[in-house]
All heavy atoms as atom14 arrays in JSON, in Angstrom:
{
  "sequence": "DGTVSATDTNGRSTSIGKLKLVTPEAPLTRGIDGLFRAGAGDLSA",
  "atom14_mask": [
    [1, 1, 1, 1, 1, 1, 1, 1, 0, 0, 0, 0, 0, 0],
    [1, 1, 1, 1, 0, 0, 0, 0, 0, 0, 0, 0, 0, 0],
    [1, 1, 1, 1, 1, 1, 1, 0, 0, 0, 0, 0, 0, 0],
    [1, 1, 1, 1, 1, 1, 1, 0, 0, 0, 0, 0, 0, 0],
    [1, 1, 1, 1, 1, 1, 0, 0, 0, 0, 0, 0, 0, 0],
    [1, 1, 1, 1, 1, 0, 0, 0, 0, 0, 0, 0, 0, 0],
    [1, 1, 1, 1, 1, 1, 1, 0, 0, 0, 0, 0, 0, 0],
    [1, 1, 1, 1, 1, 1, 1, 1, 0, 0, 0, 0, 0, 0],
    [1, 1, 1, 1, 1, 1, 1, 0, 0, 0, 0, 0, 0, 0],
    [1, 1, 1, 1, 1, 1, 1, 1, 0, 0, 0, 0, 0, 0],
    [1, 1, 1, 1, 0, 0, 0, 0, 0, 0, 0, 0, 0, 0],
    [1, 1, 1, 1, 1, 1, 1, 1, 1, 1, 1, 0, 0, 0],
    [1, 1, 1, 1, 1, 1, 0, 0, 0, 0, 0, 0, 0, 0],
    [1, 1, 1, 1, 1, 1, 1, 0, 0, 0, 0, 0, 0, 0],
    [1, 1, 1, 1, 1, 1, 0, 0, 0, 0, 0, 0, 0, 0],
    [1, 1, 1, 1, 1, 1, 1, 1, 0, 0, 0, 0, 0, 0],
    [1, 1, 1, 1, 0, 0, 0, 0, 0, 0, 0, 0, 0, 0],
    [1, 1, 1, 1, 1, 1, 1, 1, 1, 0, 0, 0, 0, 0],
    [1, 1, 1, 1, 1, 1, 1, 1, 0, 0, 0, 0, 0, 0],
    [1, 1, 1, 1, 1, 1, 1, 1, 1, 0, 0, 0, 0, 0],
    [1, 1, 1, 1, 1, 1, 1, 1, 0, 0, 0, 0, 0, 0],
    [1, 1, 1, 1, 1, 1, 1, 0, 0, 0, 0, 0, 0, 0],
    [1, 1, 1, 1, 1, 1, 1, 0, 0, 0, 0, 0, 0, 0],
    [1, 1, 1, 1, 1, 1, 1, 0, 0, 0, 0, 0, 0, 0],
    [1, 1, 1, 1, 1, 1, 1, 1, 1, 0, 0, 0, 0, 0],
    [1, 1, 1, 1, 1, 0, 0, 0, 0, 0, 0, 0, 0, 0],
    [1, 1, 1, 1, 1, 1, 1, 0, 0, 0, 0, 0, 0, 0],
    [1, 1, 1, 1, 1, 1, 1, 1, 0, 0, 0, 0, 0, 0],
    [1, 1, 1, 1, 1, 1, 1, 0, 0, 0, 0, 0, 0, 0],
    [1, 1, 1, 1, 1, 1, 1, 1, 1, 1, 1, 0, 0, 0],
    [1, 1, 1, 1, 0, 0, 0, 0, 0, 0, 0, 0, 0, 0],
    [1, 1, 1, 1, 1, 1, 1, 1, 0, 0, 0, 0, 0, 0],
    [1, 1, 1, 1, 1, 1, 1, 1, 0, 0, 0, 0, 0, 0],
    [1, 1, 1, 1, 0, 0, 0, 0, 0, 0, 0, 0, 0, 0],
    [1, 1, 1, 1, 1, 1, 1, 1, 0, 0, 0, 0, 0, 0],
    [1, 1, 1, 1, 1, 1, 1, 1, 1, 1, 1, 0, 0, 0],
    [1, 1, 1, 1, 1, 1, 1, 1, 1, 1, 1, 0, 0, 0],
    [1, 1, 1, 1, 1, 0, 0, 0, 0, 0, 0, 0, 0, 0],
    [1, 1, 1, 1, 0, 0, 0, 0, 0, 0, 0, 0, 0, 0],
    [1, 1, 1, 1, 1, 0, 0, 0, 0, 0, 0, 0, 0, 0],
    [1, 1, 1, 1, 0, 0, 0, 0, 0, 0, 0, 0, 0, 0],
    [1, 1, 1, 1, 1, 1, 1, 1, 0, 0, 0, 0, 0, 0],
    [1, 1, 1, 1, 1, 1, 1, 1, 0, 0, 0, 0, 0, 0],
    [1, 1, 1, 1, 1, 1, 0, 0, 0, 0, 0, 0, 0, 0],
    [1, 1, 1, 1, 1, 0, 0, 0, 0, 0, 0, 0, 0, 0]
  ],
  "atom14_positions": [
    [[1.55, -19.72, 0.22], [1.11, -19.11, 1.45], [0.93, -17.67, 1.38], [0.7, -16.97, 2.51], [2.14, -19.48, 2.48], [3.46, -19.01, 2.37], [3.76, -18.29, 1.19], [4.39, -19.07, 3.26], [0.0, 0.0, 0.0], [0.0, 0.0, 0.0], [0.0, 0.0, 0.0], [0.0, 0.0, 0.0], [0.0, 0.0, 0.0], [0.0, 0.0, 0.0]],
    [[1.22, -17.03, 0.29], [1.04, -15.5, 0.14], [2.27, -14.68, 0.22], [2.23, -13.53, 0.14], [0.0, 0.0, 0.0], [0.0, 0.0, 0.0], [0.0, 0.0, 0.0], [0.0, 0.0, 0.0], [0.0, 0.0, 0.0], [0.0, 0.0, 0.0], [0.0, 0.0, 0.0], [0.0, 0.0, 0.0], [0.0, 0.0, 0.0], [0.0, 0.0, 0.0]],
    [[3.39, -15.51, 0.4], [4.71, -14.72, 0.5], [5.11, -14.11, -0.79], [5.12, -14.86, -1.8], [5.85, -15.71, 1.01], [5.47, -16.27, 2.35], [7.15, -14.98, 1.08], [0.0, 0.0, 0.0], [0.0, 0.0, 0.0], [0.0, 0.0, 0.0], [0.0, 0.0, 0.0], [0.0, 0.0, 0.0], [0.0, 0.0, 0.0], [0.0, 0.0, 0.0]],
    [[5.43, -12.79, -0.83], [5.74, -12.06, -2.02], [7.32, -12.03, -2.06], [7.79, -11.44, -1.09], [5.3, -10.8, -2.04], [5.5, -10.06, -3.3], [3.58, -10.92, -1.89], [0.0, 0.0, 0.0], [0.0, 0.0, 0.0], [0.0, 0.0, 0.0], [0.0, 0.0, 0.0], [0.0, 0.0, 0.0], [0.0, 0.0, 0.0], [0.0, 0.0, 0.0]],
    [[7.86, -12.43, -3.15], [9.34, -12.33, -3.24], [9.68, -11.61, -4.46], [8.82, -11.6, -5.49], [9.92, -13.75, -3.37], [9.34, -14.57, -4.42], [0.0, 0.0, 0.0], [0.0, 0.0, 0.0], [0.0, 0.0, 0.0], [0.0, 0.0, 0.0], [0.0, 0.0, 0.0], [0.0, 0.0, 0.0], [0.0, 0.0, 0.0], [0.0, 0.0, 0.0]],
    [[10.81, -10.92, -4.52], [11.31, -10.12, -5.69], [12.61, -10.8, -6.05], [13.69, -10.89, -5.26], [11.44, -8.8, -5.31], [0.0, 0.0, 0.0], [0.0, 0.0, 0.0], [0.0, 0.0, 0.0], [0.0, 0.0, 0.0], [0.0, 0.0, 0.0], [0.0, 0.0, 0.0], [0.0, 0.0, 0.0], [0.0, 0.0, 0.0], [0.0, 0.0, 0.0]],
    [[12.8, -10.99, -7.34], [14.06, -11.53, -7.9], [14.66, -10.45, -8.85], [14.11, -9.93, -9.84], [13.8, -12.79, -8.8], [13.08, -13.76, -7.91], [15.05, -13.29, -9.32], [0.0, 0.0, 0.0], [0.0, 0.0, 0.0], [0.0, 0.0, 0.0], [0.0, 0.0, 0.0], [0.0, 0.0, 0.0], [0.0, 0.0, 0.0], [0.0, 0.0, 0.0]],
    [[15.89, -10.12, -8.5], [16.59, -9.03, -9.17], [17.28, -9.57, -10.41], [17.09, -10.82, -10.83], [17.72, -8.37, -8.39], [18.75, -9.41, -7.86], [18.95, -10.35, -8.4], [19.36, -9.03, -6.79], [0.0, 0.0, 0.0], [0.0, 0.0, 0.0], [0.0, 0.0, 0.0], [0.0, 0.0, 0.0], [0.0, 0.0, 0.0], [0.0, 0.0, 0.0]],
    [[17.96, -8.65, -11.25], [18.43, -9.13, -12.48], [19.63, -10.07, -12.32], [20.03, -10.77, -13.23], [19.11, -7.87, -13.19], [19.94, -7.17, -12.33], [18.01, -6.9, -13.56], [0.0, 0.0, 0.0], [0.0, 0.0, 0.0], [0.0, 0.0, 0.0], [0.0, 0.0, 0.0], [0.0, 0.0, 0.0], [0.0, 0.0, 0.0], [0.0, 0.0, 0.0]],
    [[20.26, -10.25, -11.14], [21.28, -11.23, -10.9], [20.76, -12.61, -10.37], [21.5, -13.51, -10.16], [22.21, -10.71, -9.94], [23.01, -9.52, -10.25], [23.32, -9.4, -11.46], [23.16, -8.49, -9.4], [0.0, 0.0, 0.0], [0.0, 0.0, 0.0], [0.0, 0.0, 0.0], [0.0, 0.0, 0.0], [0.0, 0.0, 0.0], [0.0, 0.0, 0.0]],
    [[19.41, -12.69, -10.37], [18.73, -13.97, -9.92], [18.64, -14.09, -8.46], [18.22, -15.29, -8.04], [0.0, 0.0, 0.0], [0.0, 0.0, 0.0], [0.0, 0.0, 0.0], [0.0, 0.0, 0.0], [0.0, 0.0, 0.0], [0.0, 0.0, 0.0], [0.0, 0.0, 0.0], [0.0, 0.0, 0.0], [0.0, 0.0, 0.0], [0.0, 0.0, 0.0]],
    [[18.91, -13.04, -7.69], [18.7, -13.28, -6.24], [17.37, -12.97, -5.96], [16.8, -11.8, -6.27], [19.73, -12.32, -5.52], [21.27, -12.65, -5.68], [22.07, -11.72, -5.06], [21.98, -10.38, -5.72], [22.83, -9.35, -5.45], [23.7, -9.37, -4.49], [22.72, -8.15, -6.1], [0.0, 0.0, 0.0], [0.0, 0.0, 0.0], [0.0, 0.0, 0.0]],
    [[16.78, -13.86, -5.02], [15.43, -13.68, -4.67], [15.35, -13.25, -3.2], [16.06, -13.79, -2.38], [14.6, -14.93, -4.81], [13.35, -14.84, -4.37], [0.0, 0.0, 0.0], [0.0, 0.0, 0.0], [0.0, 0.0, 0.0], [0.0, 0.0, 0.0], [0.0, 0.0, 0.0], [0.0, 0.0, 0.0], [0.0, 0.0, 0.0], [0.0, 0.0, 0.0]],
    [[14.49, -12.27, -2.91], [14.32, -11.81, -1.46], [12.89, -11.76, -1.1], [11.97, -11.17, -2.01], [15.01, -10.37, -1.42], [16.37, -10.37, -1.82], [14.89, -9.88, 0.08], [0.0, 0.0, 0.0], [0.0, 0.0, 0.0], [0.0, 0.0, 0.0], [0.0, 0.0, 0.0], [0.0, 0.0, 0.0], [0.0, 0.0, 0.0], [0.0, 0.0, 0.0]],
    [[12.51, -12.15, 0.06], [11.1, -12.03, 0.48], [10.99, -10.61, 0.9], [11.56, -10.03, 1.69], [10.89, -13.0, 1.68], [9.59, -12.71, 2.14], [0.0, 0.0, 0.0], [0.0, 0.0, 0.0], [0.0, 0.0, 0.0], [0.0, 0.0, 0.0], [0.0, 0.0, 0.0], [0.0, 0.0, 0.0], [0.0, 0.0, 0.0], [0.0, 0.0, 0.0]],
    [[9.82, -9.91, 0.43], [9.6, -8.49, 0.64], [8.23, -8.42, 1.4], [7.88, -7.24, 1.7], [9.55, -7.75, -0.68], [8.44, -8.3, -1.75], [10.83, -7.66, -1.26], [8.41, -7.51, -2.97], [0.0, 0.0, 0.0], [0.0, 0.0, 0.0], [0.0, 0.0, 0.0], [0.0, 0.0, 0.0], [0.0, 0.0, 0.0], [0.0, 0.0, 0.0]],
    [[7.58, -9.38, 1.69], [6.22, -9.27, 2.31], [5.36, -10.4, 2.28], [5.8, -11.45, 1.62], [0.0, 0.0, 0.0], [0.0, 0.0, 0.0], [0.0, 0.0, 0.0], [0.0, 0.0, 0.0], [0.0, 0.0, 0.0], [0.0, 0.0, 0.0], [0.0, 0.0, 0.0], [0.0, 0.0, 0.0], [0.0, 0.0, 0.0], [0.0, 0.0, 0.0]],
    [[4.18, -10.45, 2.81], [3.26, -11.53, 2.75], [1.79, -11.02, 2.61], [1.47, -10.08, 3.4], [3.42, -12.49, 3.93], [2.52, -13.79, 3.86], [2.86, -14.68, 5.0], [1.89, -15.93, 4.95], [2.14, -16.77, 6.15], [0.0, 0.0, 0.0], [0.0, 0.0, 0.0], [0.0, 0.0, 0.0], [0.0, 0.0, 0.0], [0.0, 0.0, 0.0]],
    [[1.04, -11.47, 1.71], [-0.3, -11.02, 1.48], [-0.99, -11.33, 2.74], [-0.83, -12.41, 3.39], [-0.84, -11.78, 0.31], [-0.25, -11.62, -1.04], [-1.08, -12.37, -2.08], [-0.3, -10.11, -1.44], [0.0, 0.0, 0.0], [0.0, 0.0, 0.0], [0.0, 0.0, 0.0], [0.0, 0.0, 0.0], [0.0, 0.0, 0.0], [0.0, 0.0, 0.0]],
    [[-1.83, -10.39, 3.17], [-2.61, -10.72, 4.38], [-4.0, -11.37, 3.86], [-4.78, -10.88, 3.2], [-3.09, -9.33, 5.11], [-3.88, -9.67, 6.28], [-4.32, -8.36, 7.1], [-5.18, -8.65, 8.3], [-5.53, -7.5, 8.88], [0.0, 0.0, 0.0], [0.0, 0.0, 0.0], [0.0, 0.0, 0.0], [0.0, 0.0, 0.0], [0.0, 0.0, 0.0]],
    [[-4.0, -12.72, 4.22], [-5.15, -13.54, 3.88], [-5.89, -13.83, 5.14], [-5.26, -14.27, 6.11], [-4.62, -14.8, 3.3], [-3.75, -14.63, 2.0], [-3.22, -15.94, 1.56], [-4.62, -14.03, 0.85], [0.0, 0.0, 0.0], [0.0, 0.0, 0.0], [0.0, 0.0, 0.0], [0.0, 0.0, 0.0], [0.0, 0.0, 0.0], [0.0, 0.0, 0.0]],
    [[-7.25, -13.66, 5.07], [-8.08, -13.96, 6.21], [-9.09, -14.9, 5.74], [-9.48, -15.15, 4.62], [-8.7, -12.66, 6.71], [-7.71, -11.48, 6.95], [-9.77, -12.11, 5.61], [0.0, 0.0, 0.0], [0.0, 0.0, 0.0], [0.0, 0.0, 0.0], [0.0, 0.0, 0.0], [0.0, 0.0, 0.0], [0.0, 0.0, 0.0], [0.0, 0.0, 0.0]],
    [[-9.62, -15.63, 6.81], [-10.7, -16.67, 6.8], [-11.71, -16.25, 7.75], [-11.67, -16.6, 8.86], [-10.15, -18.0, 6.93], [-9.01, -18.35, 6.0], [-11.34, -19.09, 6.61], [0.0, 0.0, 0.0], [0.0, 0.0, 0.0], [0.0, 0.0, 0.0], [0.0, 0.0, 0.0], [0.0, 0.0, 0.0], [0.0, 0.0, 0.0], [0.0, 0.0, 0.0]],
    [[-12.69, -15.56, 7.36], [-13.76, -15.06, 8.24], [-14.64, -16.24, 8.82], [-14.97, -17.07, 8.08], [-14.63, -14.12, 7.48], [-14.42, -14.43, 6.04], [-12.99, -15.06, 5.98], [0.0, 0.0, 0.0], [0.0, 0.0, 0.0], [0.0, 0.0, 0.0], [0.0, 0.0, 0.0], [0.0, 0.0, 0.0], [0.0, 0.0, 0.0], [0.0, 0.0, 0.0]],
    [[-14.97, -16.16, 10.1], [-15.85, -17.18, 10.7], [-17.25, -16.87, 10.48], [-18.14, -17.79, 10.51], [-15.61, -17.22, 12.23], [-14.03, -17.63, 12.56], [-13.83, -17.74, 14.07], [-14.86, -17.37, 14.86], [-12.73, -18.17, 14.39], [0.0, 0.0, 0.0], [0.0, 0.0, 0.0], [0.0, 0.0, 0.0], [0.0, 0.0, 0.0], [0.0, 0.0, 0.0]],
    [[-17.67, -15.61, 10.26], [-18.98, -15.23, 9.99], [-19.12, -14.53, 8.66], [-18.02, -13.97, 8.11], [-19.53, -14.31, 10.96], [0.0, 0.0, 0.0], [0.0, 0.0, 0.0], [0.0, 0.0, 0.0], [0.0, 0.0, 0.0], [0.0, 0.0, 0.0], [0.0, 0.0, 0.0], [0.0, 0.0, 0.0], [0.0, 0.0, 0.0], [0.0, 0.0, 0.0]],
    [[-20.13, -14.57, 7.97], [-20.31, -13.86, 6.61], [-19.99, -12.41, 6.69], [-20.26, -11.73, 7.76], [-21.86, -14.1, 6.29], [-22.23, -15.28, 7.16], [-21.49, -15.26, 8.41], [0.0, 0.0, 0.0], [0.0, 0.0, 0.0], [0.0, 0.0, 0.0], [0.0, 0.0, 0.0], [0.0, 0.0, 0.0], [0.0, 0.0, 0.0], [0.0, 0.0, 0.0]],
    [[-19.34, -11.96, 5.61], [-18.9, -10.54, 5.56], [-19.98, -9.75, 5.08], [-21.11, -10.25, 4.59], [-17.71, -10.43, 4.58], [-16.47, -11.19, 5.02], [-15.28, -11.07, 3.99], [-15.88, -10.66, 6.38], [0.0, 0.0, 0.0], [0.0, 0.0, 0.0], [0.0, 0.0, 0.0], [0.0, 0.0, 0.0], [0.0, 0.0, 0.0], [0.0, 0.0, 0.0]],
    [[-19.9, -8.51, 5.16], [-20.97, -7.49, 4.62], [-20.4, -6.78, 3.45], [-19.31, -6.18, 3.5], [-21.33, -6.51, 5.76], [-21.81, -7.37, 6.93], [-22.41, -5.59, 5.34], [0.0, 0.0, 0.0], [0.0, 0.0, 0.0], [0.0, 0.0, 0.0], [0.0, 0.0, 0.0], [0.0, 0.0, 0.0], [0.0, 0.0, 0.0], [0.0, 0.0, 0.0]],
    [[-21.21, -6.8, 2.37], [-20.77, -6.01, 1.15], [-21.1, -4.68, 1.32], [-22.26, -4.11, 1.69], [-21.59, -6.6, -0.06], [-21.06, -6.02, -1.41], [-22.12, -6.17, -2.57], [-22.61, -7.55, -2.64], [-22.06, -8.47, -3.46], [-21.09, -8.2, -4.27], [-22.56, -9.83, -3.52], [0.0, 0.0, 0.0], [0.0, 0.0, 0.0], [0.0, 0.0, 0.0]],
    [[-20.1, -3.73, 0.98], [-20.34, -2.31, 0.92], [-20.77, -1.68, -0.35], [-20.74, -2.55, -1.4], [0.0, 0.0, 0.0], [0.0, 0.0, 0.0], [0.0, 0.0, 0.0], [0.0, 0.0, 0.0], [0.0, 0.0, 0.0], [0.0, 0.0, 0.0], [0.0, 0.0, 0.0], [0.0, 0.0, 0.0], [0.0, 0.0, 0.0], [0.0, 0.0, 0.0]],
    [[-21.1, -0.46, -0.31], [-21.54, 0.15, -1.58], [-20.38, 0.2, -2.61], [-20.65, 0.36, -3.84], [-22.12, 1.47, -1.37], [-21.01, 2.43, -0.75], [-23.5, 1.42, -0.46], [-21.58, 3.9, -0.41], [0.0, 0.0, 0.0], [0.0, 0.0, 0.0], [0.0, 0.0, 0.0], [0.0, 0.0, 0.0], [0.0, 0.0, 0.0], [0.0, 0.0, 0.0]],
    [[-19.13, 0.13, -2.1], [-18.02, 0.1, -3.12], [-17.72, -1.23, -3.64], [-16.81, -1.52, -4.45], [-16.76, 0.59, -2.42], [-16.45, -0.1, -1.1], [-17.16, -1.16, -0.84], [-15.48, 0.22, -0.42], [0.0, 0.0, 0.0], [0.0, 0.0, 0.0], [0.0, 0.0, 0.0], [0.0, 0.0, 0.0], [0.0, 0.0, 0.0], [0.0, 0.0, 0.0]],
    [[-18.52, -2.34, -3.35], [-18.32, -3.63, -3.82], [-17.32, -4.47, -2.97], [-17.12, -5.63, -3.33], [0.0, 0.0, 0.0], [0.0, 0.0, 0.0], [0.0, 0.0, 0.0], [0.0, 0.0, 0.0], [0.0, 0.0, 0.0], [0.0, 0.0, 0.0], [0.0, 0.0, 0.0], [0.0, 0.0, 0.0], [0.0, 0.0, 0.0], [0.0, 0.0, 0.0]],
    [[-16.73, -3.99, -2.08], [-15.87, -4.61, -1.13], [-16.54, -5.15, 0.03], [-17.63, -4.64, 0.41], [-14.64, -3.71, -0.69], [-13.8, -3.1, -1.82], [-12.77, -2.16, -1.2], [-12.99, -4.25, -2.49], [0.0, 0.0, 0.0], [0.0, 0.0, 0.0], [0.0, 0.0, 0.0], [0.0, 0.0, 0.0], [0.0, 0.0, 0.0], [0.0, 0.0, 0.0]],
    [[-16.01, -6.11, 0.72], [-16.51, -6.81, 1.9], [-15.82, -6.43, 3.18], [-14.56, -6.14, 3.12], [-16.51, -8.31, 1.66], [-17.45, -8.82, 0.59], [-17.1, -8.73, -0.66], [-18.68, -9.33, 0.88], [-17.88, -9.06, -1.75], [-19.53, -9.69, -0.22], [-19.17, -9.68, -1.5], [0.0, 0.0, 0.0], [0.0, 0.0, 0.0], [0.0, 0.0, 0.0]],
    [[-16.5, -6.32, 4.21], [-15.9, -5.88, 5.54], [-16.61, -6.79, 6.59], [-17.67, -7.3, 6.56], [-16.13, -4.42, 5.81], [-15.37, -3.51, 4.88], [-15.84, -2.02, 5.04], [-15.05, -1.14, 4.22], [-15.18, -0.88, 3.07], [-16.21, -1.46, 2.35], [-14.38, -0.04, 2.28], [0.0, 0.0, 0.0], [0.0, 0.0, 0.0], [0.0, 0.0, 0.0]],
    [[-15.89, -6.91, 7.67], [-16.3, -7.62, 8.88], [-16.95, -6.66, 9.79], [-16.72, -5.45, 9.9], [-15.07, -8.27, 9.54], [0.0, 0.0, 0.0], [0.0, 0.0, 0.0], [0.0, 0.0, 0.0], [0.0, 0.0, 0.0], [0.0, 0.0, 0.0], [0.0, 0.0, 0.0], [0.0, 0.0, 0.0], [0.0, 0.0, 0.0], [0.0, 0.0, 0.0]],
    [[-17.94, -7.19, 10.51], [-18.78, -6.25, 11.32], [-18.11, -5.87, 12.58], [-18.42, -5.05, 13.26], [0.0, 0.0, 0.0], [0.0, 0.0, 0.0], [0.0, 0.0, 0.0], [0.0, 0.0, 0.0], [0.0, 0.0, 0.0], [0.0, 0.0, 0.0], [0.0, 0.0, 0.0], [0.0, 0.0, 0.0], [0.0, 0.0, 0.0], [0.0, 0.0, 0.0]],
    [[-17.09, -6.66, 13.05], [-16.46, -6.35, 14.33], [-15.01, -6.03, 14.13], [-14.06, -6.6, 14.79], [-16.54, -7.51, 15.31], [0.0, 0.0, 0.0], [0.0, 0.0, 0.0], [0.0, 0.0, 0.0], [0.0, 0.0, 0.0], [0.0, 0.0, 0.0], [0.0, 0.0, 0.0], [0.0, 0.0, 0.0], [0.0, 0.0, 0.0], [0.0, 0.0, 0.0]],
    [[-14.77, -5.06, 13.33], [-13.37, -4.61, 13.11], [-12.57, -5.44, 12.08], [-13.05, -6.32, 11.42], [0.0, 0.0, 0.0], [0.0, 0.0, 0.0], [0.0, 0.0, 0.0], [0.0, 0.0, 0.0], [0.0, 0.0, 0.0], [0.0, 0.0, 0.0], [0.0, 0.0, 0.0], [0.0, 0.0, 0.0], [0.0, 0.0, 0.0], [0.0, 0.0, 0.0]],
    [[-11.21, -5.26, 12.05], [-10.33, -5.87, 11.14], [-10.09, -7.38, 11.52], [-10.07, -7.63, 12.72], [-9.08, -5.13, 10.98], [-9.24, -3.81, 10.48], [-10.13, -3.5, 9.81], [-8.33, -2.93, 10.57], [0.0, 0.0, 0.0], [0.0, 0.0, 0.0], [0.0, 0.0, 0.0], [0.0, 0.0, 0.0], [0.0, 0.0, 0.0], [0.0, 0.0, 0.0]],
    [[-9.94, -8.3, 10.62], [-9.78, -9.61, 10.93], [-8.28, -10.03, 10.93], [-7.47, -9.21, 10.3], [-10.4, -10.45, 9.78], [-11.95, -10.43, 9.6], [-12.42, -11.26, 8.47], [-12.68, -10.84, 10.87], [0.0, 0.0, 0.0], [0.0, 0.0, 0.0], [0.0, 0.0, 0.0], [0.0, 0.0, 0.0], [0.0, 0.0, 0.0], [0.0, 0.0, 0.0]],
    [[-7.95, -10.9, 11.66], [-6.54, -11.33, 11.8], [-6.19, -12.19, 10.58], [-7.02, -13.04, 10.09], [-6.34, -12.16, 13.12], [-6.62, -11.17, 14.23], [0.0, 0.0, 0.0], [0.0, 0.0, 0.0], [0.0, 0.0, 0.0], [0.0, 0.0, 0.0], [0.0, 0.0, 0.0], [0.0, 0.0, 0.0], [0.0, 0.0, 0.0], [0.0, 0.0, 0.0]],
    [[-4.83, -12.14, 10.25], [-4.27, -13.01, 9.19], [-4.42, -14.47, 9.49], [-4.26, -14.94, 10.67], [-2.94, -12.62, 8.78], [0.0, 0.0, 0.0], [0.0, 0.0, 0.0], [0.0, 0.0, 0.0], [0.0, 0.0, 0.0], [0.0, 0.0, 0.0], [0.0, 0.0, 0.0], [0.0, 0.0, 0.0], [0.0, 0.0, 0.0], [0.0, 0.0, 0.0]]
  ]
}
């Protein structure tokens, strides 16, 4: 589900965040930098 966890040298695992994954309803637009963006602002996770 995108959850990022970190395991220390003692084997203890801790959740430190979650990747923001989006599923656009409309096609994205490719920028000159090769990345894609939504036309109406940032998308929700």
